[in-house]
Amino acid sequence: MTDMTTTAAPTRMTSAATVRLGSDVLLTSGRLRGLTVGVVCNHASVDRGYAHVVDRLAGAEGVTLGAIFGPQHGFRSDVQDNMIETGHATDDARRVPLYSLYSETREPTAAMLSGLDALVIDLQDIGARIYTYIYTMANCLRACGRHGVPVIVCDRPNPINGADVEGARLVPGNESFVGLYPIPMRHGMTIGELARFFNEQFGLGASLEVVAMEGWRRDMYADAAGLPWVMPSPNIPTLDTAIVYPGTVLFEGTMLSEGRGTTRPFELVGAPWIEAERFARDMNDLGLAGVHFRPAVFEPTFQKHAKQTCGGCQIHVLDRDAFRPVLTGAALIRMFRLHDPQQFAWRQPPYEYEHDKLPIDILDGSDALRRHVEAGTPIKEMADSWREDEQAFRTQRKPYLLYS
């Protein structure tokens, strides 16, 4: 196994316009000349000028585009909901196979990789353990290691910064497609750094090259990088959504609405039996840092409680540096249960290919959050229980970090 990383000297930026994506660095290097390549990407795999990586590869001198691979929600991200597989097809515009890695297989087969000199991965992660694109990448690393195809990962920013780590690590035995490895919910790494970490720590065996960005800093949010925001998946429409997502994604493990079917998914949360004003007041009384809970009443157009009026709140982040999304998500779920323990319910399986374990347990990475909520554990005590894992992971990830 080899692990090569193309890096640039750390850059202290005076302008966000100096950030260059890994795909830009790769495509201007001539590194792919003479090769037939496959690419793992979706509709958000664009550069600063909105040019898509598939078109850039297809038009690159001396490069042959051999195949396209799409993650969950499809290459064009046109499949709205979770657990809806997409089929294989032919991309008519480029006349190459279009393979789904969210289908009967979640990793490329030998036949799919046949004839490729390298597999390029250019996917936009959003900084949360449960986001499946990072496991599509891990599955590609494993498959390519097995079949002798080198992998080139083009790095992209962690949109919610690469500094903050929050939450307990997944406990072995709770692995699923929304959590394959023991990392915290908010990992604070880029997708390229995660590729290095996964490949080395978990023995995936790929011949891996990570093409680093130029000019990116760990403290940057997406809007400081000067790059276009294209929603990475159908229910992450804005950076605001991505910021709260590591906490409110836990609502997928409950029968509460996480705002799917609204224009503010994961920012609006609620249920038909909740009085919005009282709920928001009680959440604000907790004094959580960097956030305000505005009473909100909404009607999802699809998913949980579709066409029903839900009471709850919208999460307004006032101070990104102080805001703790995982703690906020746990506090919200705890409060919903306190408001009506009889109506509150955990979602039942199946969920993301898991047919036995409760969805909340595979989302959280253990049964700890569920037990805390049911016991009414104080919020501070919940947060304190994560401290050791957070510090241990900060230490564990250090050798794989590419930016200061």
Protein backbone atom coordinates (compact mmCIF):
# COMPACT_ATOMS: atom_id res chain seq x y z
CA MET A 1 0.00 0.00 0.00
CA THR A 2 1.22 3.49 -0.79
CA ASP A 3 -0.12 6.80 0.45
CA MET A 4 1.04 9.81 -1.52
CA THR A 5 -0.20 13.30 -0.85
CA THR A 6 0.19 16.27 -3.14
CA THR A 7 0.32 19.30 -0.87
CA ALA A 8 0.95 23.00 -1.14
CA ALA A 9 2.73 25.09 1.46
CA PRO A 10 0.30 26.38 4.12
CA THR A 11 -1.13 29.71 3.05
CA ARG A 12 -2.46 32.45 5.30
CA MET A 13 -5.12 34.02 3.19
CA THR A 14 -5.88 37.67 2.77
CA SER A 15 -8.68 36.90 0.32
CA ALA A 16 -11.01 33.96 0.02
CA ALA A 17 -10.41 34.05 -3.74
CA THR A 18 -7.02 32.36 -3.26
CA VAL A 19 -8.56 28.98 -2.35
CA ARG A 20 -8.02 26.36 -5.05
CA LEU A 21 -9.78 23.02 -4.97
CA GLY A 22 -7.91 19.75 -5.24
CA SER A 23 -9.57 19.18 -8.61
CA ASP A 24 -8.08 22.45 -9.91
CA VAL A 25 -4.61 21.45 -8.74
CA LEU A 26 -4.96 17.99 -10.30
CA LEU A 27 -6.32 19.11 -13.65
CA THR A 28 -3.69 21.80 -14.17
CA SER A 29 -0.85 19.45 -13.23
CA GLY A 30 -1.06 17.19 -16.27
CA ARG A 31 -0.93 14.27 -13.84
CA LEU A 32 -3.72 12.39 -15.67
CA ARG A 33 -2.36 12.70 -19.22
CA GLY A 34 -2.40 9.35 -20.99
CA LEU A 35 -4.76 7.74 -18.45
CA THR A 36 -8.27 6.33 -18.63
CA VAL A 37 -10.03 7.44 -15.46
CA GLY A 38 -13.29 6.88 -13.65
CA VAL A 39 -14.74 9.60 -11.44
CA VAL A 40 -16.91 9.41 -8.32
CA CYS A 41 -18.91 12.62 -8.11
CA ASN A 42 -22.33 14.23 -8.12
CA HIS A 43 -23.93 17.49 -9.21
CA ALA A 44 -21.99 19.48 -6.57
CA SER A 45 -18.59 18.48 -7.97
CA VAL A 46 -18.01 21.86 -9.59
CA ASP A 47 -15.15 24.35 -9.59
CA ARG A 48 -15.19 28.07 -8.86
CA GLY A 49 -16.67 28.78 -12.29
CA TYR A 50 -19.37 26.08 -11.92
CA ALA A 51 -17.63 23.78 -14.41
CA HIS A 52 -18.36 20.16 -13.51
CA VAL A 53 -15.46 17.77 -12.89
CA VAL A 54 -16.89 15.28 -15.43
CA ASP A 55 -16.81 17.91 -18.17
CA ARG A 56 -13.35 19.05 -17.15
CA LEU A 57 -12.00 15.50 -17.23
CA ALA A 58 -13.73 14.73 -20.54
CA GLY A 59 -12.18 17.85 -22.05
CA ALA A 60 -8.70 17.47 -20.56
CA GLU A 61 -5.91 16.89 -23.07
CA GLY A 62 -4.79 13.28 -23.20
CA VAL A 63 -7.34 12.09 -20.62
CA THR A 64 -9.97 9.47 -21.39
CA LEU A 65 -13.12 9.42 -19.26
CA GLY A 66 -13.97 5.75 -18.76
CA ALA A 67 -16.84 5.72 -16.26
CA ILE A 68 -18.87 7.86 -13.85
CA PHE A 69 -19.89 6.67 -10.37
CA GLY A 70 -22.65 8.32 -8.32
CA PRO A 71 -23.21 8.21 -4.52
CA GLN A 72 -26.47 8.23 -2.55
CA HIS A 73 -29.21 10.39 -4.15
CA GLY A 74 -27.69 9.68 -7.56
CA PHE A 75 -25.08 11.29 -9.79
CA ARG A 76 -27.51 14.14 -10.48
CA SER A 77 -28.78 14.21 -6.88
CA ASP A 78 -32.34 13.91 -8.19
CA VAL A 79 -33.50 11.25 -5.72
CA GLN A 80 -34.98 13.09 -2.76
CA ASP A 81 -35.35 10.64 0.09
CA ASN A 82 -33.11 8.22 2.00
CA MET A 83 -33.07 4.50 1.28
CA ILE A 84 -34.13 4.96 -2.35
CA GLU A 85 -31.61 3.17 -4.53
CA THR A 86 -30.69 4.38 -8.02
CA GLY A 87 -29.97 2.20 -11.02
CA HIS A 88 -27.06 2.00 -13.43
CA ALA A 89 -27.31 3.78 -16.76
CA THR A 90 -25.33 5.30 -19.60
CA ASP A 91 -24.45 8.97 -19.53
CA ASP A 92 -25.73 10.04 -22.93
CA ALA A 93 -23.81 13.30 -23.04
CA ARG A 94 -20.39 11.65 -22.56
CA ARG A 95 -21.28 8.14 -23.80
CA VAL A 96 -19.78 6.36 -20.80
CA PRO A 97 -21.24 3.99 -18.20
CA LEU A 98 -22.91 5.65 -15.21
CA TYR A 99 -22.74 3.36 -12.19
CA SER A 100 -24.70 3.79 -8.99
CA LEU A 101 -22.89 3.12 -5.72
CA TYR A 102 -26.20 3.27 -3.88
CA SER A 103 -27.79 0.28 -5.56
CA GLU A 104 -27.42 -3.49 -5.29
CA THR A 105 -23.79 -2.67 -4.58
CA ARG A 106 -22.28 0.14 -2.54
CA GLU A 107 -18.77 -0.36 -3.85
CA PRO A 108 -17.45 -0.61 -7.41
CA THR A 109 -17.11 -4.14 -8.73
CA ALA A 110 -14.20 -5.55 -10.71
CA ALA A 111 -16.25 -5.20 -13.90
CA MET A 112 -16.97 -1.52 -13.17
CA LEU A 113 -13.28 -0.80 -12.58
CA SER A 114 -12.07 -2.80 -15.57
CA GLY A 115 -10.01 -0.73 -17.99
CA LEU A 116 -9.47 2.18 -15.58
CA ASP A 117 -5.96 3.41 -14.85
CA ALA A 118 -7.17 5.44 -11.85
CA LEU A 119 -10.33 6.33 -9.96
CA VAL A 120 -10.75 10.04 -9.17
CA ILE A 121 -13.01 10.98 -6.24
CA ASP A 122 -14.41 14.51 -6.10
CA LEU A 123 -17.26 14.62 -3.56
CA GLN A 124 -18.41 17.41 -1.25
CA ASP A 125 -18.72 16.19 2.34
CA ILE A 126 -20.49 18.29 5.00
CA GLY A 127 -18.47 17.42 8.10
CA ALA A 128 -20.73 14.90 9.87
CA ARG A 129 -20.00 11.23 10.60
CA ILE A 130 -23.30 10.02 9.22
CA TYR A 131 -22.99 11.61 5.75
CA THR A 132 -22.77 8.60 3.45
CA TYR A 133 -20.46 10.08 0.81
CA ILE A 134 -17.44 9.45 3.02
CA TYR A 135 -18.36 5.76 3.22
CA THR A 136 -18.86 5.57 -0.53
CA MET A 137 -15.30 6.88 -0.69
CA ALA A 138 -14.12 4.30 1.88
CA ASN A 139 -15.79 1.50 -0.09
CA CYS A 140 -14.03 2.72 -3.25
CA LEU A 141 -10.68 2.70 -1.44
CA ARG A 142 -11.27 -0.88 -0.32
CA ALA A 143 -12.42 -2.08 -3.75
CA CYS A 144 -9.62 -0.32 -5.60
CA GLY A 145 -7.06 -1.75 -3.19
CA ARG A 146 -8.44 -5.22 -3.90
CA HIS A 147 -8.44 -4.74 -7.70
CA GLY A 148 -5.21 -2.77 -8.06
CA VAL A 149 -6.66 0.55 -9.26
CA PRO A 150 -4.98 3.70 -7.84
CA VAL A 151 -7.26 6.26 -6.20
CA ILE A 152 -6.88 10.03 -6.43
CA VAL A 153 -9.01 12.05 -3.99
CA CYS A 154 -9.46 15.71 -4.89
CA ASP A 155 -9.83 17.55 -1.61
CA ARG A 156 -12.65 19.97 -0.85
CA PRO A 157 -13.38 22.16 2.20
CA ASN A 158 -15.16 20.92 5.26
CA PRO A 159 -17.94 23.52 5.01
CA ILE A 160 -18.45 23.76 8.79
CA ASN A 161 -14.69 24.20 9.46
CA GLY A 162 -11.86 21.77 10.10
CA ALA A 163 -11.14 22.78 13.68
CA ASP A 164 -14.11 21.76 15.81
CA VAL A 165 -14.68 18.20 17.01
CA GLU A 166 -17.87 17.27 18.88
CA GLY A 167 -19.64 14.18 20.10
CA ALA A 168 -18.81 10.67 21.19
CA ARG A 169 -17.08 8.27 18.82
CA LEU A 170 -19.09 5.44 17.31
CA VAL A 171 -18.86 2.34 19.49
CA PRO A 172 -17.78 -0.84 17.62
CA GLY A 173 -20.78 -3.05 17.02
CA ASN A 174 -22.90 -0.11 15.82
CA GLU A 175 -21.44 0.13 12.34
CA SER A 176 -23.75 0.91 9.42
CA PHE A 177 -23.73 2.86 6.17
CA VAL A 178 -24.27 6.02 8.25
CA GLY A 179 -21.26 5.20 10.42
CA LEU A 180 -18.58 2.69 9.46
CA TYR A 181 -15.77 3.86 11.73
CA PRO A 182 -15.29 5.11 15.33
CA ILE A 183 -15.17 8.86 14.75
CA PRO A 184 -17.18 11.64 16.46
CA MET A 185 -20.34 13.05 14.88
CA ARG A 186 -18.52 16.28 14.02
CA HIS A 187 -15.08 15.16 12.91
CA GLY A 188 -13.49 18.42 11.74
CA MET A 189 -11.66 16.86 8.78
CA THR A 190 -11.77 17.32 5.02
CA ILE A 191 -12.73 14.44 2.77
CA GLY A 192 -9.11 14.10 1.66
CA GLU A 193 -7.91 13.91 5.25
CA LEU A 194 -10.57 11.31 5.99
CA ALA A 195 -9.36 9.28 2.99
CA ARG A 196 -5.85 9.19 4.47
CA PHE A 197 -7.23 8.38 7.92
CA PHE A 198 -9.57 5.60 6.76
CA ASN A 199 -7.02 4.04 4.42
CA GLU A 200 -4.30 3.86 7.06
CA GLN A 201 -6.23 3.33 10.29
CA PHE A 202 -8.60 0.70 8.94
CA GLY A 203 -6.35 -1.09 6.46
CA LEU A 204 -8.31 -0.38 3.28
CA GLY A 205 -5.24 -1.09 1.18
CA ALA A 206 -5.60 1.50 -1.57
CA SER A 207 -2.78 3.09 -3.49
CA LEU A 208 -3.95 6.56 -2.51
CA GLU A 209 -3.03 10.05 -3.59
CA VAL A 210 -4.78 13.03 -2.01
CA VAL A 211 -4.54 16.26 -3.98
CA ALA A 212 -4.69 19.03 -1.40
CA MET A 213 -6.34 22.39 -1.77
CA GLU A 214 -4.30 25.56 -1.81
CA GLY A 215 -5.14 28.41 0.53
CA TRP A 216 -7.66 26.68 2.79
CA ARG A 217 -7.45 27.08 6.58
CA ARG A 218 -8.96 24.89 9.27
CA ASP A 219 -10.99 27.74 10.80
CA MET A 220 -12.82 28.52 7.55
CA TYR A 221 -16.51 27.97 6.93
CA ALA A 222 -17.69 27.49 3.35
CA ASP A 223 -18.65 31.12 2.87
CA ALA A 224 -15.10 32.24 3.68
CA ALA A 225 -13.59 30.07 0.94
CA GLY A 226 -15.08 32.07 -1.91
CA LEU A 227 -16.37 28.96 -3.64
CA PRO A 228 -19.91 28.45 -4.99
CA TRP A 229 -22.41 26.68 -2.78
CA VAL A 230 -24.16 23.89 -4.64
CA MET A 231 -26.29 21.83 -2.28
CA PRO A 232 -24.36 18.57 -1.74
CA SER A 233 -27.59 16.55 -1.43
CA PRO A 234 -31.28 17.40 -1.79
CA ASN A 235 -31.91 18.26 1.87
CA ILE A 236 -28.79 20.38 2.47
CA PRO A 237 -29.89 23.51 0.59
CA THR A 238 -27.72 26.05 2.43
CA LEU A 239 -24.65 26.43 4.60
CA ASP A 240 -27.02 27.23 7.49
CA THR A 241 -28.43 23.72 7.06
CA ALA A 242 -24.97 22.16 7.11
CA ILE A 243 -24.06 24.00 10.32
CA VAL A 244 -26.97 22.54 12.31
CA TYR A 245 -27.01 19.15 10.56
CA PRO A 246 -24.58 17.24 12.86
CA GLY A 247 -27.18 17.66 15.61
CA THR A 248 -30.57 17.66 13.98
CA VAL A 249 -29.76 14.69 11.75
CA LEU A 250 -30.38 12.73 14.96
CA PHE A 251 -34.08 13.51 14.46
CA GLU A 252 -34.04 10.87 11.72
CA GLY A 253 -33.94 8.38 14.58
CA THR A 254 -37.21 9.71 16.04
CA MET A 255 -40.78 10.20 14.93
CA LEU A 256 -40.29 13.96 15.16
CA SER A 257 -40.05 16.00 11.97
CA GLU A 258 -36.55 17.13 11.06
CA GLY A 259 -38.07 19.58 8.59
CA ARG A 260 -37.86 17.37 5.50
CA GLY A 261 -40.57 18.53 3.17
CA THR A 262 -40.00 22.18 4.09
CA THR A 263 -37.70 24.82 2.64
CA ARG A 264 -35.57 24.67 5.81
CA PRO A 265 -34.82 20.99 6.45
CA PHE A 266 -32.87 20.30 9.67
CA GLU A 267 -33.37 23.91 10.79
CA LEU A 268 -37.11 23.47 11.39
CA VAL A 269 -37.97 20.72 13.88
CA GLY A 270 -41.30 19.83 15.42
CA ALA A 271 -44.28 17.55 15.84
CA PRO A 272 -48.08 17.87 15.61
CA TRP A 273 -48.57 17.69 19.40
CA ILE A 274 -46.15 20.51 20.33
CA GLU A 275 -47.08 24.08 21.30
CA ALA A 276 -44.42 26.14 19.53
CA GLU A 277 -44.21 29.13 21.85
CA ARG A 278 -43.84 27.11 25.03
CA PHE A 279 -41.34 24.74 23.44
CA ALA A 280 -39.11 27.53 22.08
CA ARG A 281 -39.24 29.36 25.43
CA ASP A 282 -38.10 26.24 27.27
CA MET A 283 -35.26 25.69 24.80
CA ASN A 284 -34.06 29.28 25.11
CA ASP A 285 -34.19 28.96 28.91
CA LEU A 286 -31.47 26.29 28.66
CA GLY A 287 -29.01 29.04 27.75
CA LEU A 288 -27.21 27.08 25.02
CA ALA A 289 -24.38 29.13 23.56
CA GLY A 290 -24.58 30.79 20.16
CA VAL A 291 -28.15 29.87 19.25
CA HIS A 292 -31.73 31.16 19.45
CA PHE A 293 -34.85 29.02 19.12
CA ARG A 294 -37.68 30.87 17.38
CA PRO A 295 -41.19 29.42 17.75
CA ALA A 296 -42.26 27.98 14.41
CA VAL A 297 -45.31 26.22 13.01
CA PHE A 298 -44.87 24.40 9.70
CA GLU A 299 -46.46 21.78 7.46
CA PRO A 300 -44.13 19.27 5.78
CA THR A 301 -45.11 18.46 2.21
CA PHE A 302 -43.63 14.96 2.45
CA GLN A 303 -41.91 12.58 4.86
CA LYS A 304 -42.89 12.43 8.55
CA HIS A 305 -46.16 14.23 9.40
CA ALA A 306 -46.73 15.23 5.77
CA LYS A 307 -49.69 17.63 5.42
CA GLN A 308 -49.97 17.97 9.21
CA THR A 309 -49.34 21.17 11.16
CA CYS A 310 -46.27 20.77 13.35
CA GLY A 311 -45.25 22.97 16.26
CA GLY A 312 -41.63 23.42 17.22
CA CYS A 313 -38.90 25.87 16.42
CA GLN A 314 -36.42 27.12 13.88
CA ILE A 315 -32.79 27.01 14.96
CA HIS A 316 -31.03 30.34 14.40
CA VAL A 317 -27.25 30.20 14.87
CA LEU A 318 -26.04 33.52 16.24
CA ASP A 319 -22.38 32.65 16.89
CA ARG A 320 -20.83 29.82 14.88
CA ASP A 321 -17.79 29.57 17.11
CA ALA A 322 -19.85 29.14 20.27
CA PHE A 323 -22.60 26.97 18.75
CA ARG A 324 -22.43 23.23 19.44
CA PRO A 325 -24.67 21.41 16.96
CA VAL A 326 -24.46 17.92 18.47
CA LEU A 327 -25.28 19.19 21.95
CA THR A 328 -28.12 21.27 20.50
CA GLY A 329 -29.60 18.27 18.69
CA ALA A 330 -29.47 16.17 21.85
CA ALA A 331 -31.04 18.98 23.90
CA LEU A 332 -33.88 19.38 21.40
CA ILE A 333 -34.74 15.68 21.39
CA ARG A 334 -34.60 15.61 25.20
CA MET A 335 -36.97 18.61 25.36
CA PHE A 336 -39.46 17.11 22.91
CA ARG A 337 -39.66 14.00 25.07
CA LEU A 338 -40.07 16.07 28.25
CA HIS A 339 -42.97 17.98 26.66
CA ASP A 340 -44.92 14.83 25.89
CA PRO A 341 -43.37 11.47 26.86
CA GLN A 342 -46.46 9.61 25.66
CA GLN A 343 -46.44 11.03 22.14
CA PHE A 344 -42.66 10.96 21.75
CA ALA A 345 -41.35 7.83 19.97
CA TRP A 346 -38.13 6.48 18.54
CA ARG A 347 -38.23 5.52 14.87
CA GLN A 348 -38.22 1.78 14.24
CA PRO A 349 -36.06 -0.15 11.73
CA PRO A 350 -35.31 -0.53 8.89
CA TYR A 351 -33.00 2.42 8.33
CA GLU A 352 -30.05 2.66 5.91
CA TYR A 353 -29.71 -1.10 5.33
CA GLU A 354 -29.95 -1.87 9.08
CA HIS A 355 -32.95 -4.03 9.94
CA ASP A 356 -32.37 -4.83 13.62
CA LYS A 357 -30.85 -1.92 15.53
CA LEU A 358 -32.85 1.20 16.31
CA PRO A 359 -32.09 4.05 13.89
CA ILE A 360 -31.23 6.41 16.78
CA ASP A 361 -28.53 4.00 17.97
CA ILE A 362 -26.81 3.71 14.61
CA LEU A 363 -27.07 7.48 14.09
CA ASP A 364 -25.60 8.23 17.50
CA GLY A 365 -23.12 5.37 17.21
CA SER A 366 -24.32 3.65 20.41
CA ASP A 367 -27.36 3.47 22.67
CA ALA A 368 -25.95 6.22 24.92
CA LEU A 369 -28.02 9.15 23.62
CA ARG A 370 -31.22 7.12 23.75
CA ARG A 371 -30.53 6.10 27.34
CA HIS A 372 -29.66 9.70 28.32
CA VAL A 373 -32.88 11.05 26.79
CA GLU A 374 -35.03 8.39 28.42
CA ALA A 375 -33.38 9.02 31.79
CA GLY A 376 -33.69 12.82 31.49
CA THR A 377 -29.92 13.27 31.88
CA PRO A 378 -28.97 16.96 32.20
CA ILE A 379 -27.49 18.45 29.05
CA LYS A 380 -24.16 19.34 30.66
CA GLU A 381 -23.75 15.77 31.84
CA MET A 382 -24.36 14.54 28.27
CA ALA A 383 -21.70 16.88 26.91
CA ASP A 384 -19.23 15.92 29.64
CA SER A 385 -19.60 12.26 28.67
CA TRP A 386 -18.14 13.05 25.21
CA ARG A 387 -15.02 14.91 26.38
CA GLU A 388 -12.65 11.96 26.51
CA ASP A 389 -13.63 10.75 23.04
CA GLU A 390 -13.32 14.22 21.56
CA GLN A 391 -9.80 14.70 22.93
CA ALA A 392 -8.69 11.21 21.94
CA PHE A 393 -9.88 11.77 18.38
CA ARG A 394 -8.13 15.13 18.11
CA THR A 395 -4.91 13.31 18.93
CA GLN A 396 -5.64 10.35 16.66
CA ARG A 397 -6.40 12.50 13.60
CA LYS A 398 -3.29 14.72 13.83
CA PRO A 399 -1.00 12.68 11.55
CA TYR A 400 -3.58 12.87 8.74
CA LEU A 401 -4.26 16.61 8.75
CA LEU A 402 -3.06 18.56 5.71
CA TYR A 403 -3.79 22.16 6.71
CA SER A 404 -3.10 24.54 9.56
